[in-house]
Amino acid sequence: MNYGLTNGTPQCSILMDFIAEMVLGYIDERLSECLDKDIDYRIIRYRDDYCIFTNSKKDSDVIVRELSKILSEPRMRLNGEKTFFLMILLICQ
Protein backbone atom coordinates (compact mmCIF):
# COMPACT_ATOMS: atom_id res chain seq x y z
CA MET A 1 0.00 0.00 0.00
CA ASN A 2 1.17 3.54 -0.72
CA TYR A 3 4.13 2.14 -2.66
CA GLY A 4 5.59 0.45 0.41
CA LEU A 5 5.42 3.61 2.53
CA THR A 6 2.59 2.54 4.85
CA ASN A 7 3.53 1.61 8.43
CA GLY A 8 0.92 0.00 10.67
CA THR A 9 -2.69 -0.56 9.77
CA PRO A 10 -4.19 1.77 7.16
CA GLN A 11 -6.66 4.19 8.72
CA CYS A 12 -8.26 5.83 5.75
CA SER A 13 -11.75 4.38 5.63
CA ILE A 14 -14.46 2.73 7.68
CA LEU A 15 -13.83 -0.51 5.76
CA MET A 16 -10.16 -0.54 6.82
CA ASP A 17 -11.17 0.11 10.43
CA PHE A 18 -13.61 -2.81 10.26
CA ILE A 19 -11.03 -5.18 8.72
CA ALA A 20 -8.36 -4.11 11.23
CA GLU A 21 -10.77 -4.63 14.12
CA MET A 22 -11.62 -8.14 12.90
CA VAL A 23 -7.95 -9.13 12.57
CA LEU A 24 -6.82 -7.50 15.82
CA GLY A 25 -9.85 -8.85 17.71
CA TYR A 26 -8.77 -12.34 16.66
CA ILE A 27 -5.22 -11.58 17.79
CA ASP A 28 -6.57 -10.36 21.15
CA GLU A 29 -8.42 -13.66 21.61
CA ARG A 30 -5.34 -15.71 20.70
CA LEU A 31 -3.24 -13.73 23.16
CA SER A 32 -5.65 -14.23 26.05
CA GLU A 33 -5.82 -17.97 25.31
CA CYS A 34 -2.05 -18.48 25.35
CA LEU A 35 -1.19 -16.43 28.45
CA ASP A 36 -0.82 -18.15 31.80
CA LYS A 37 -3.87 -17.56 33.98
CA ASP A 38 -1.58 -16.68 36.91
CA ILE A 39 -0.36 -13.50 35.20
CA ASP A 40 -2.18 -10.44 36.53
CA TYR A 41 -2.56 -8.11 33.55
CA ARG A 42 -4.90 -5.76 31.74
CA ILE A 43 -4.65 -4.83 28.08
CA ILE A 44 -6.28 -1.85 26.46
CA ARG A 45 -6.19 -1.61 22.68
CA TYR A 46 -7.33 1.36 20.62
CA ARG A 47 -7.19 0.48 16.93
CA ASP A 48 -3.64 -0.84 16.57
CA ASP A 49 -2.13 0.64 19.76
CA TYR A 50 -1.74 -1.64 22.77
CA CYS A 51 -1.30 -0.56 26.40
CA ILE A 52 -0.33 -3.48 28.61
CA PHE A 53 -0.56 -3.12 32.38
CA THR A 54 1.13 -5.62 34.72
CA ASN A 55 2.62 -5.70 38.18
CA SER A 56 6.03 -6.92 37.03
CA LYS A 57 8.50 -6.40 34.21
CA LYS A 58 8.80 -10.17 33.85
CA ASP A 59 5.08 -10.52 33.13
CA SER A 60 5.12 -7.64 30.65
CA ASP A 61 8.07 -9.24 28.83
CA VAL A 62 6.14 -12.53 28.57
CA ILE A 63 3.07 -10.74 27.17
CA VAL A 64 5.07 -8.72 24.63
CA ARG A 65 6.91 -11.87 23.52
CA GLU A 66 3.65 -13.80 23.05
CA LEU A 67 1.98 -10.86 21.29
CA SER A 68 4.96 -10.59 18.93
CA LYS A 69 4.70 -14.29 18.07
CA ILE A 70 0.97 -14.06 17.38
CA LEU A 71 1.37 -10.87 15.32
CA SER A 72 4.05 -12.52 13.18
CA GLU A 73 1.58 -15.12 11.87
CA PRO A 74 -0.33 -12.59 9.69
CA ARG A 75 3.02 -10.84 8.96
CA MET A 76 2.51 -8.03 11.44
CA ARG A 77 4.97 -6.76 14.05
CA LEU A 78 5.31 -4.39 16.95
CA ASN A 79 6.94 -1.07 16.16
CA GLY A 80 10.17 -1.10 18.15
CA GLU A 81 10.34 2.69 18.14
CA LYS A 82 6.96 2.93 19.88
CA THR A 83 7.38 -0.05 22.26
CA PHE A 84 8.66 0.83 25.73
CA PHE A 85 8.38 -0.15 29.38
CA LEU A 86 7.19 2.42 31.92
CA MET A 87 7.33 1.64 35.60
CA ILE A 88 5.09 3.52 38.01
CA LEU A 89 5.32 2.99 41.74
CA LEU A 90 2.23 3.66 43.81
CA ILE A 91 2.86 4.14 47.51
CA CYS A 92 -0.22 3.95 49.70
CA GLN A 93 -0.10 5.08 53.29
PDB file of N, CA and C in Angstrom:
ATOM      1  N   MET A   1       0.832  -1.173   0.000  1.00  0.00           N
ATOM      2  CA  MET A   1       0.000   0.000   0.000  1.00  0.00           C
ATOM      3  C   MET A   1       0.884   1.246   0.000  1.00  0.00           C
ATOM      4  N   ASN A   2       0.432   2.282  -0.637  1.00  0.00           N
ATOM      5  CA  ASN A   2       1.173   3.542  -0.718  1.00  0.00           C
ATOM      6  C   ASN A   2       2.613   3.326  -1.155  1.00  0.00           C
ATOM      7  N   TYR A   3       2.804   2.415  -2.099  1.00  0.00           N
ATOM      8  CA  TYR A   3       4.133   2.141  -2.661  1.00  0.00           C
ATOM      9  C   TYR A   3       5.151   1.748  -1.593  1.00  0.00           C
ATOM     10  N   GLY A   4       4.697   0.944  -0.641  1.00  0.00           N
ATOM     11  CA  GLY A   4       5.591   0.453   0.405  1.00  0.00           C
ATOM     12  C   GLY A   4       5.872   1.456   1.503  1.00  0.00           C
ATOM     13  N   LEU A   5       5.158   2.569   1.539  1.00  0.00           N
ATOM     14  CA  LEU A   5       5.418   3.611   2.525  1.00  0.00           C
ATOM     15  C   LEU A   5       4.529   3.524   3.757  1.00  0.00           C
ATOM     16  N   THR A   6       3.525   2.627   3.742  1.00  0.00           N
ATOM     17  CA  THR A   6       2.589   2.536   4.853  1.00  0.00           C
ATOM     18  C   THR A   6       3.194   1.744   6.004  1.00  0.00           C
ATOM     19  N   ASN A   7       3.104   2.291   7.203  1.00  0.00           N
ATOM     20  CA  ASN A   7       3.528   1.614   8.429  1.00  0.00           C
ATOM     21  C   ASN A   7       2.303   1.432   9.292  1.00  0.00           C
ATOM     22  N   GLY A   8       2.082   0.241   9.820  1.00  0.00           N
ATOM     23  CA  GLY A   8       0.924  -0.001  10.669  1.00  0.00           C
ATOM     24  C   GLY A   8      -0.302  -0.315   9.844  1.00  0.00           C
ATOM     25  N   THR A   9      -1.450  -0.255  10.475  1.00  0.00           N
ATOM     26  CA  THR A   9      -2.689  -0.556   9.766  1.00  0.00           C
ATOM     27  C   THR A   9      -3.210   0.706   9.096  1.00  0.00           C
ATOM     28  N   PRO A  10      -3.652   0.594   7.849  1.00  0.00           N
ATOM     29  CA  PRO A  10      -4.192   1.769   7.164  1.00  0.00           C
ATOM     30  C   PRO A  10      -5.431   2.288   7.889  1.00  0.00           C
ATOM     31  N   GLN A  11      -5.529   3.597   8.019  1.00  0.00           N
ATOM     32  CA  GLN A  11      -6.662   4.185   8.724  1.00  0.00           C
ATOM     33  C   GLN A  11      -7.294   5.267   7.860  1.00  0.00           C
ATOM     34  N   CYS A  12      -7.730   4.848   6.693  1.00  0.00           N
ATOM     35  CA  CYS A  12      -8.258   5.830   5.755  1.00  0.00           C
ATOM     36  C   CYS A  12      -9.742   5.670   5.501  1.00  0.00           C
ATOM     37  N   SER A  13     -10.331   4.568   5.909  1.00  0.00           N
ATOM     38  CA  SER A  13     -11.750   4.379   5.630  1.00  0.00           C
ATOM     39  C   SER A  13     -12.396   3.511   6.700  1.00  0.00           C
ATOM     40  N   ILE A  14     -13.709   3.551   6.736  1.00  0.00           N
ATOM     41  CA  ILE A  14     -14.463   2.726   7.680  1.00  0.00           C
ATOM     42  C   ILE A  14     -14.221   1.250   7.397  1.00  0.00           C
ATOM     43  N   LEU A  15     -14.087   0.888   6.122  1.00  0.00           N
ATOM     44  CA  LEU A  15     -13.834  -0.507   5.764  1.00  0.00           C
ATOM     45  C   LEU A  15     -12.507  -0.982   6.344  1.00  0.00           C
ATOM     46  N   MET A  16     -11.464  -0.162   6.257  1.00  0.00           N
ATOM     47  CA  MET A  16     -10.159  -0.544   6.817  1.00  0.00           C
ATOM     48  C   MET A  16     -10.250  -0.674   8.336  1.00  0.00           C
ATOM     49  N   ASP A  17     -10.984   0.227   8.983  1.00  0.00           N
ATOM     50  CA  ASP A  17     -11.168   0.114  10.435  1.00  0.00           C
ATOM     51  C   ASP A  17     -11.854  -1.201  10.790  1.00  0.00           C
ATOM     52  N   PHE A  18     -12.866  -1.575  10.018  1.00  0.00           N
ATOM     53  CA  PHE A  18     -13.608  -2.814  10.257  1.00  0.00           C
ATOM     54  C   PHE A  18     -12.702  -4.032  10.072  1.00  0.00           C
ATOM     55  N   ILE A  19     -11.935  -4.058   8.982  1.00  0.00           N
ATOM     56  CA  ILE A  19     -11.027  -5.184   8.724  1.00  0.00           C
ATOM     57  C   ILE A  19      -9.964  -5.262   9.811  1.00  0.00           C
ATOM     58  N   ALA A  20      -9.385  -4.126  10.176  1.00  0.00           N
ATOM     59  CA  ALA A  20      -8.359  -4.106  11.226  1.00  0.00           C
ATOM     60  C   ALA A  20      -8.930  -4.608  12.542  1.00  0.00           C
ATOM     61  N   GLU A  21     -10.154  -4.202  12.867  1.00  0.00           N
ATOM     62  CA  GLU A  21     -10.772  -4.632  14.116  1.00  0.00           C
ATOM     63  C   GLU A  21     -11.024  -6.140  14.121  1.00  0.00           C
ATOM     64  N   MET A  22     -11.411  -6.686  12.986  1.00  0.00           N
ATOM     65  CA  MET A  22     -11.619  -8.141  12.897  1.00  0.00           C
ATOM     66  C   MET A  22     -10.306  -8.888  13.126  1.00  0.00           C
ATOM     67  N   VAL A  23      -9.250  -8.452  12.450  1.00  0.00           N
ATOM     68  CA  VAL A  23      -7.954  -9.126  12.572  1.00  0.00           C
ATOM     69  C   VAL A  23      -7.395  -8.960  13.977  1.00  0.00           C
ATOM     70  N   LEU A  24      -7.396  -7.736  14.500  1.00  0.00           N
ATOM     71  CA  LEU A  24      -6.820  -7.502  15.823  1.00  0.00           C
ATOM     72  C   LEU A  24      -7.683  -8.092  16.937  1.00  0.00           C
ATOM     73  N   GLY A  25      -8.991  -8.164  16.736  1.00  0.00           N
ATOM     74  CA  GLY A  25      -9.847  -8.846  17.709  1.00  0.00           C
ATOM     75  C   GLY A  25      -9.489 -10.321  17.817  1.00  0.00           C
ATOM     76  N   TYR A  26      -9.214 -10.943  16.667  1.00  0.00           N
ATOM     77  CA  TYR A  26      -8.773 -12.344  16.656  1.00  0.00           C
ATOM     78  C   TYR A  26      -7.430 -12.480  17.373  1.00  0.00           C
ATOM     79  N   ILE A  27      -6.528 -11.545  17.125  1.00  0.00           N
ATOM     80  CA  ILE A  27      -5.217 -11.578  17.787  1.00  0.00           C
ATOM     81  C   ILE A  27      -5.392 -11.412  19.293  1.00  0.00           C
ATOM     82  N   ASP A  28      -6.295 -10.527  19.719  1.00  0.00           N
ATOM     83  CA  ASP A  28      -6.573 -10.359  21.151  1.00  0.00           C
ATOM     84  C   ASP A  28      -7.027 -11.678  21.782  1.00  0.00           C
ATOM     85  N   GLU A  29      -7.931 -12.375  21.099  1.00  0.00           N
ATOM     86  CA  GLU A  29      -8.417 -13.664  21.613  1.00  0.00           C
ATOM     87  C   GLU A  29      -7.294 -14.679  21.721  1.00  0.00           C
ATOM     88  N   ARG A  30      -6.475 -14.772  20.680  1.00  0.00           N
ATOM     89  CA  ARG A  30      -5.340 -15.709  20.702  1.00  0.00           C
ATOM     90  C   ARG A  30      -4.402 -15.399  21.846  1.00  0.00           C
ATOM     91  N   LEU A  31      -4.137 -14.118  22.079  1.00  0.00           N
ATOM     92  CA  LEU A  31      -3.235 -13.732  23.161  1.00  0.00           C
ATOM     93  C   LEU A  31      -3.805 -14.142  24.511  1.00  0.00           C
ATOM     94  N   SER A  32      -5.076 -13.880  24.751  1.00  0.00           N
ATOM     95  CA  SER A  32      -5.654 -14.228  26.050  1.00  0.00           C
ATOM     96  C   SER A  32      -5.692 -15.736  26.264  1.00  0.00           C
ATOM     97  N   GLU A  33      -5.820 -16.518  25.192  1.00  0.00           N
ATOM     98  CA  GLU A  33      -5.820 -17.975  25.309  1.00  0.00           C
ATOM     99  C   GLU A  33      -4.441 -18.529  25.654  1.00  0.00           C
ATOM    100  N   CYS A  34      -3.385 -17.897  25.159  1.00  0.00           N
ATOM    101  CA  CYS A  34      -2.054 -18.480  25.353  1.00  0.00           C
ATOM    102  C   CYS A  34      -1.348 -17.985  26.612  1.00  0.00           C
ATOM    103  N   LEU A  35      -1.857 -16.934  27.251  1.00  0.00           N
ATOM    104  CA  LEU A  35      -1.194 -16.426  28.454  1.00  0.00           C
ATOM    105  C   LEU A  35      -1.580 -17.250  29.674  1.00  0.00           C
ATOM    106  N   ASP A  36      -0.624 -17.430  30.552  1.00  0.00           N
ATOM    107  CA  ASP A  36      -0.823 -18.149  31.804  1.00  0.00           C
ATOM    108  C   ASP A  36      -1.870 -17.416  32.637  1.00  0.00           C
ATOM    109  N   LYS A  37      -2.790 -18.156  33.184  1.00  0.00           N
ATOM    110  CA  LYS A  37      -3.875 -17.564  33.976  1.00  0.00           C
ATOM    111  C   LYS A  37      -3.371 -16.930  35.270  1.00  0.00           C
ATOM    112  N   ASP A  38      -2.137 -17.242  35.686  1.00  0.00           N
ATOM    113  CA  ASP A  38      -1.576 -16.677  36.912  1.00  0.00           C
ATOM    114  C   ASP A  38      -1.029 -15.267  36.711  1.00  0.00           C
ATOM    115  N   ILE A  39      -0.871 -14.844  35.460  1.00  0.00           N
ATOM    116  CA  ILE A  39      -0.357 -13.505  35.195  1.00  0.00           C
ATOM    117  C   ILE A  39      -1.486 -12.500  35.419  1.00  0.00           C
ATOM    118  N   ASP A  40      -1.211 -11.500  36.263  1.00  0.00           N
ATOM    119  CA  ASP A  40      -2.184 -10.442  36.529  1.00  0.00           C
ATOM    120  C   ASP A  40      -1.901  -9.309  35.545  1.00  0.00           C
ATOM    121  N   TYR A  41      -2.787  -9.129  34.580  1.00  0.00           N
ATOM    122  CA  TYR A  41      -2.562  -8.115  33.550  1.00  0.00           C
ATOM    123  C   TYR A  41      -3.879  -7.539  33.061  1.00  0.00           C
ATOM    124  N   ARG A  42      -3.783  -6.385  32.440  1.00  0.00           N
ATOM    125  CA  ARG A  42      -4.897  -5.762  31.736  1.00  0.00           C
ATOM    126  C   ARG A  42      -4.326  -5.211  30.444  1.00  0.00           C
ATOM    127  N   ILE A  43      -5.070  -5.362  29.374  1.00  0.00           N
ATOM    128  CA  ILE A  43      -4.647  -4.831  28.083  1.00  0.00           C
ATOM    129  C   ILE A  43      -5.755  -3.939  27.541  1.00  0.00           C
ATOM    130  N   ILE A  44      -5.367  -2.762  27.126  1.00  0.00           N
ATOM    131  CA  ILE A  44      -6.283  -1.849  26.462  1.00  0.00           C
ATOM    132  C   ILE A  44      -5.742  -1.633  25.053  1.00  0.00           C
ATOM    133  N   ARG A  45      -6.607  -1.824  24.073  1.00  0.00           N
ATOM    134  CA  ARG A  45      -6.191  -1.605  22.684  1.00  0.00           C
ATOM    135  C   ARG A  45      -7.132  -0.604  22.046  1.00  0.00           C
ATOM    136  N   TYR A  46      -6.565   0.425  21.418  1.00  0.00           N
ATOM    137  CA  TYR A  46      -7.335   1.358  20.617  1.00  0.00           C
ATOM    138  C   TYR A  46      -6.784   1.281  19.206  1.00  0.00           C
ATOM    139  N   ARG A  47      -7.611   0.784  18.304  1.00  0.00           N
ATOM    140  CA  ARG A  47      -7.194   0.485  16.928  1.00  0.00           C
ATOM    141  C   ARG A  47      -5.984  -0.423  16.977  1.00  0.00           C
ATOM    142  N   ASP A  48      -4.810   0.049  16.572  1.00  0.00           N
ATOM    143  CA  ASP A  48      -3.641  -0.842  16.567  1.00  0.00           C
ATOM    144  C   ASP A  48      -2.615  -0.470  17.639  1.00  0.00           C
ATOM    145  N   ASP A  49      -3.033   0.277  18.652  1.00  0.00           N
ATOM    146  CA  ASP A  49      -2.134   0.644  19.756  1.00  0.00           C
ATOM    147  C   ASP A  49      -2.516  -0.151  20.999  1.00  0.00           C
ATOM    148  N   TYR A  50      -1.535  -0.826  21.572  1.00  0.00           N
ATOM    149  CA  TYR A  50      -1.741  -1.637  22.771  1.00  0.00           C
ATOM    150  C   TYR A  50      -1.125  -0.943  23.981  1.00  0.00           C
ATOM    151  N   CYS A  51      -1.849  -0.936  25.095  1.00  0.00           N
ATOM    152  CA  CYS A  51      -1.301  -0.557  26.399  1.00  0.00           C
ATOM    153  C   CYS A  51      -1.453  -1.784  27.279  1.00  0.00           C
ATOM    154  N   ILE A  52      -0.336  -2.269  27.795  1.00  0.00           N
ATOM    155  CA  ILE A  52      -0.330  -3.481  28.609  1.00  0.00           C
ATOM    156  C   ILE A  52       0.052  -3.095  30.027  1.00  0.00           C
ATOM    157  N   PHE A  53      -0.791  -3.449  30.984  1.00  0.00           N
ATOM    158  CA  PHE A  53      -0.560  -3.119  32.383  1.00  0.00           C
ATOM    159  C   PHE A  53      -0.315  -4.412  33.161  1.00  0.00           C
ATOM    160  N   THR A  54       0.809  -4.473  33.868  1.00  0.00           N
ATOM    161  CA  THR A  54       1.135  -5.615  34.719  1.00  0.00           C
ATOM    162  C   THR A  54       1.758  -5.114  36.010  1.00  0.00           C
ATOM    163  N   ASN A  55       1.967  -6.049  36.927  1.00  0.00           N
ATOM    164  CA  ASN A  55       2.624  -5.697  38.183  1.00  0.00           C
ATOM    165  C   ASN A  55       4.111  -6.031  38.181  1.00  0.00           C
ATOM    166  N   SER A  56       4.608  -6.598  37.074  1.00  0.00           N
ATOM    167  CA  SER A  56       6.034  -6.921  37.033  1.00  0.00           C
ATOM    168  C   SER A  56       6.577  -6.821  35.607  1.00  0.00           C
ATOM    169  N   LYS A  57       7.836  -6.481  35.516  1.00  0.00           N
ATOM    170  CA  LYS A  57       8.503  -6.397  34.212  1.00  0.00           C
ATOM    171  C   LYS A  57       8.553  -7.777  33.565  1.00  0.00           C
ATOM    172  N   LYS A  58       8.749  -8.804  34.368  1.00  0.00           N
ATOM    173  CA  LYS A  58       8.804 -10.172  33.847  1.00  0.00           C
ATOM    174  C   LYS A  58       7.506 -10.526  33.130  1.00  0.00           C
ATOM    175  N   ASP A  59       6.371 -10.224  33.755  1.00  0.00           N
ATOM    176  CA  ASP A  59       5.078 -10.517  33.134  1.00  0.00           C
ATOM    177  C   ASP A  59       4.884  -9.717  31.849  1.00  0.00           C
ATOM    178  N   SER A  60       5.281  -8.450  31.865  1.00  0.00           N
ATOM    179  CA  SER A  60       5.121  -7.638  30.653  1.00  0.00           C
ATOM    180  C   SER A  60       6.002  -8.170  29.527  1.00  0.00           C
ATOM    181  N   ASP A  61       7.192  -8.650  29.851  1.00  0.00           N
ATOM    182  CA  ASP A  61       8.070  -9.237  28.829  1.00  0.00           C
ATOM    183  C   ASP A  61       7.438 -10.488  28.218  1.00  0.00           C
ATOM    184  N   VAL A  62       6.817 -11.319  29.056  1.00  0.00           N
ATOM    185  CA  VAL A  62       6.138 -12.526  28.566  1.00  0.00           C
ATOM    186  C   VAL A  62       5.004 -12.139  27.621  1.00  0.00           C
ATOM    187  N   ILE A  63       4.210 -11.157  28.000  1.00  0.00           N
ATOM    188  CA  ILE A  63       3.071 -10.745  27.173  1.00  0.00           C
ATOM    189  C   ILE A  63       3.538 -10.168  25.848  1.00  0.00           C
ATOM    190  N   VAL A  64       4.552  -9.308  25.873  1.00  0.00           N
ATOM    191  CA  VAL A  64       5.070  -8.720  24.630  1.00  0.00           C
ATOM    192  C   VAL A  64       5.656  -9.807  23.735  1.00  0.00           C
ATOM    193  N   ARG A  65       6.353 -10.774  24.316  1.00  0.00           N
ATOM    194  CA  ARG A  65       6.914 -11.874  23.524  1.00  0.00           C
ATOM    195  C   ARG A  65       5.800 -12.689  22.857  1.00  0.00           C
ATOM    196  N   GLU A  66       4.768 -13.032  23.610  1.00  0.00           N
ATOM    197  CA  GLU A  66       3.654 -13.800  23.053  1.00  0.00           C
ATOM    198  C   GLU A  66       2.902 -12.992  21.993  1.00  0.00           C
ATOM    199  N   LEU A  67       2.671 -11.712  22.266  1.00  0.00           N
ATOM    200  CA  LEU A  67       1.984 -10.860  21.294  1.00  0.00           C
ATOM    201  C   LEU A  67       2.790 -10.762  20.002  1.00  0.00           C
ATOM    202  N   SER A  68       4.101 -10.646  20.119  1.00  0.00           N
ATOM    203  CA  SER A  68       4.959 -10.590  18.925  1.00  0.00           C
ATOM    204  C   SER A  68       4.857 -11.867  18.107  1.00  0.00           C
ATOM    205  N   LYS A  69       4.834 -13.016  18.787  1.00  0.00           N
ATOM    206  CA  LYS A  69       4.697 -14.295  18.074  1.00  0.00           C
ATOM    207  C   LYS A  69       3.373 -14.364  17.322  1.00  0.00           C
ATOM    208  N   ILE A  70       2.300 -13.986  17.993  1.00  0.00           N
ATOM    209  CA  ILE A  70       0.975 -14.058  17.383  1.00  0.00           C
ATOM    210  C   ILE A  70       0.860 -13.070  16.221  1.00  0.00           C
ATOM    211  N   LEU A  71       1.409 -11.868  16.395  1.00  0.00           N
ATOM    212  CA  LEU A  71       1.366 -10.872  15.319  1.00  0.00           C
ATOM    213  C   LEU A  71       2.166 -11.314  14.093  1.00  0.00           C
ATOM    214  N   SER A  72       3.201 -12.104  14.304  1.00  0.00           N
ATOM    215  CA  SER A  72       4.045 -12.521  13.176  1.00  0.00           C
ATOM    216  C   SER A  72       3.315 -13.478  12.228  1.00  0.00           C
ATOM    217  N   GLU A  73       2.305 -14.179  12.728  1.00  0.00           N
ATOM    218  CA  GLU A  73       1.578 -15.125  11.874  1.00  0.00           C
ATOM    219  C   GLU A  73       0.923 -14.429  10.673  1.00  0.00           C
ATOM    220  N   PRO A  74       0.216 -13.297  10.863  1.00  0.00           N
ATOM    221  CA  PRO A  74      -0.325 -12.590   9.695  1.00  0.00           C
ATOM    222  C   PRO A  74       0.658 -11.535   9.143  1.00  0.00           C
ATOM    223  N   ARG A  75       1.945 -11.719   9.456  1.00  0.00           N
ATOM    224  CA  ARG A  75       3.021 -10.843   8.964  1.00  0.00           C
ATOM    225  C   ARG A  75       2.925  -9.419   9.503  1.00  0.00           C
ATOM    226  N   MET A  76       2.549  -9.320  10.763  1.00  0.00           N
ATOM    227  CA  MET A  76       2.511  -8.031  11.444  1.00  0.00           C
ATOM    228  C   MET A  76       3.610  -8.034  12.499  1.00  0.00           C
ATOM    229  N   ARG A  77       3.938  -6.848  13.017  1.00  0.00           N
ATOM    230  CA  ARG A  77       4.972  -6.762  14.046  1.00  0.00           C
ATOM    231  C   ARG A  77       4.745  -5.532  14.906  1.00  0.00           C
ATOM    232  N   LEU A  78       5.326  -5.566  16.092  1.00  0.00           N
ATOM    233  CA  LEU A  78       5.307  -4.390  16.953  1.00  0.00           C
ATOM    234  C   LEU A  78       6.325  -3.385  16.427  1.00  0.00           C
ATOM    235  N   ASN A  79       6.016  -2.120  16.559  1.00  0.00           N
ATOM    236  CA  ASN A  79       6.945  -1.067  16.161  1.00  0.00           C
ATOM    237  C   ASN A  79       7.923  -0.845  17.312  1.00  0.00           C
ATOM    238  N   GLY A  80       9.163  -1.224  17.108  1.00  0.00           N
ATOM    239  CA  GLY A  80      10.174  -1.105  18.149  1.00  0.00           C
ATOM    240  C   GLY A  80      10.403   0.314  18.626  1.00  0.00           C
ATOM    241  N   GLU A  81      10.156   1.296  17.762  1.00  0.00           N
ATOM    242  CA  GLU A  81      10.344   2.693  18.142  1.00  0.00           C
ATOM    243  C   GLU A  81       9.231   3.181  19.074  1.00  0.00           C
ATOM    244  N   LYS A  82       8.082   2.512  19.049  1.00  0.00           N
ATOM    245  CA  LYS A  82       6.956   2.925  19.884  1.00  0.00           C
ATOM    246  C   LYS A  82       6.725   1.975  21.055  1.00  0.00           C
ATOM    247  N   THR A  83       7.549   0.936  21.194  1.00  0.00           N
ATOM    248  CA  THR A  83       7.379  -0.046  22.256  1.00  0.00           C
ATOM    249  C   THR A  83       8.346   0.285  23.387  1.00  0.00           C
ATOM    250  N   PHE A  84       7.802   0.505  24.590  1.00  0.00           N
ATOM    251  CA  PHE A  84       8.657   0.830  25.727  1.00  0.00           C
ATOM    252  C   PHE A  84       8.013   0.350  27.017  1.00  0.00           C
ATOM    253  N   PHE A  85       8.818   0.285  28.058  1.00  0.00           N
ATOM    254  CA  PHE A  85       8.383  -0.148  29.379  1.00  0.00           C
ATOM    255  C   PHE A  85       8.393   1.069  30.290  1.00  0.00           C
ATOM    256  N   LEU A  86       7.299   1.311  30.988  1.00  0.00           N
ATOM    257  CA  LEU A  86       7.187   2.424  31.915  1.00  0.00           C
ATOM    258  C   LEU A  86       6.810   1.863  33.277  1.00  0.00           C
ATOM    259  N   MET A  87       7.609   2.154  34.266  1.00  0.00           N
ATOM    260  CA  MET A  87       7.334   1.641  35.602  1.00  0.00           C
ATOM    261  C   MET A  87       6.820   2.777  36.487  1.00  0.00           C
ATOM    262  N   ILE A  88       5.698   2.535  37.124  1.00  0.00           N
ATOM    263  CA  ILE A  88       5.095   3.520  38.013  1.00  0.00           C
ATOM    264  C   ILE A  88       4.938   2.867  39.384  1.00  0.00           C
ATOM    265  N   LEU A  89       5.457   3.502  40.373  1.00  0.00           N
ATOM    266  CA  LEU A  89       5.322   2.995  41.743  1.00  0.00           C
ATOM    267  C   LEU A  89       4.222   3.775  42.457  1.00  0.00           C
ATOM    268  N   LEU A  90       3.295   3.047  43.011  1.00  0.00           N
ATOM    269  CA  LEU A  90       2.232   3.659  43.812  1.00  0.00           C
ATOM    270  C   LEU A  90       2.504   3.332  45.267  1.00  0.00           C
ATOM    271  N   ILE A  91       2.611   4.341  46.077  1.00  0.00           N
ATOM    272  CA  ILE A  91       2.859   4.135  47.507  1.00  0.00           C
ATOM    273  C   ILE A  91       1.612   4.585  48.251  1.00  0.00           C
ATOM    274  N   CYS A  92       0.983   3.645  48.926  1.00  0.00           N
ATOM    275  CA  CYS A  92      -0.219   3.949  49.698  1.00  0.00           C
ATOM    276  C   CYS A  92       0.140   4.008  51.178  1.00  0.00           C
ATOM    277  N   GLN A  93      -0.390   4.970  51.858  1.00  0.00           N
ATOM    278  CA  GLN A  93      -0.105   5.082  53.292  1.00  0.00           C
ATOM    279  C   GLN A  93      -1.329   4.776  54.096  1.00  0.00           C
TER     280      GLN A  93
END
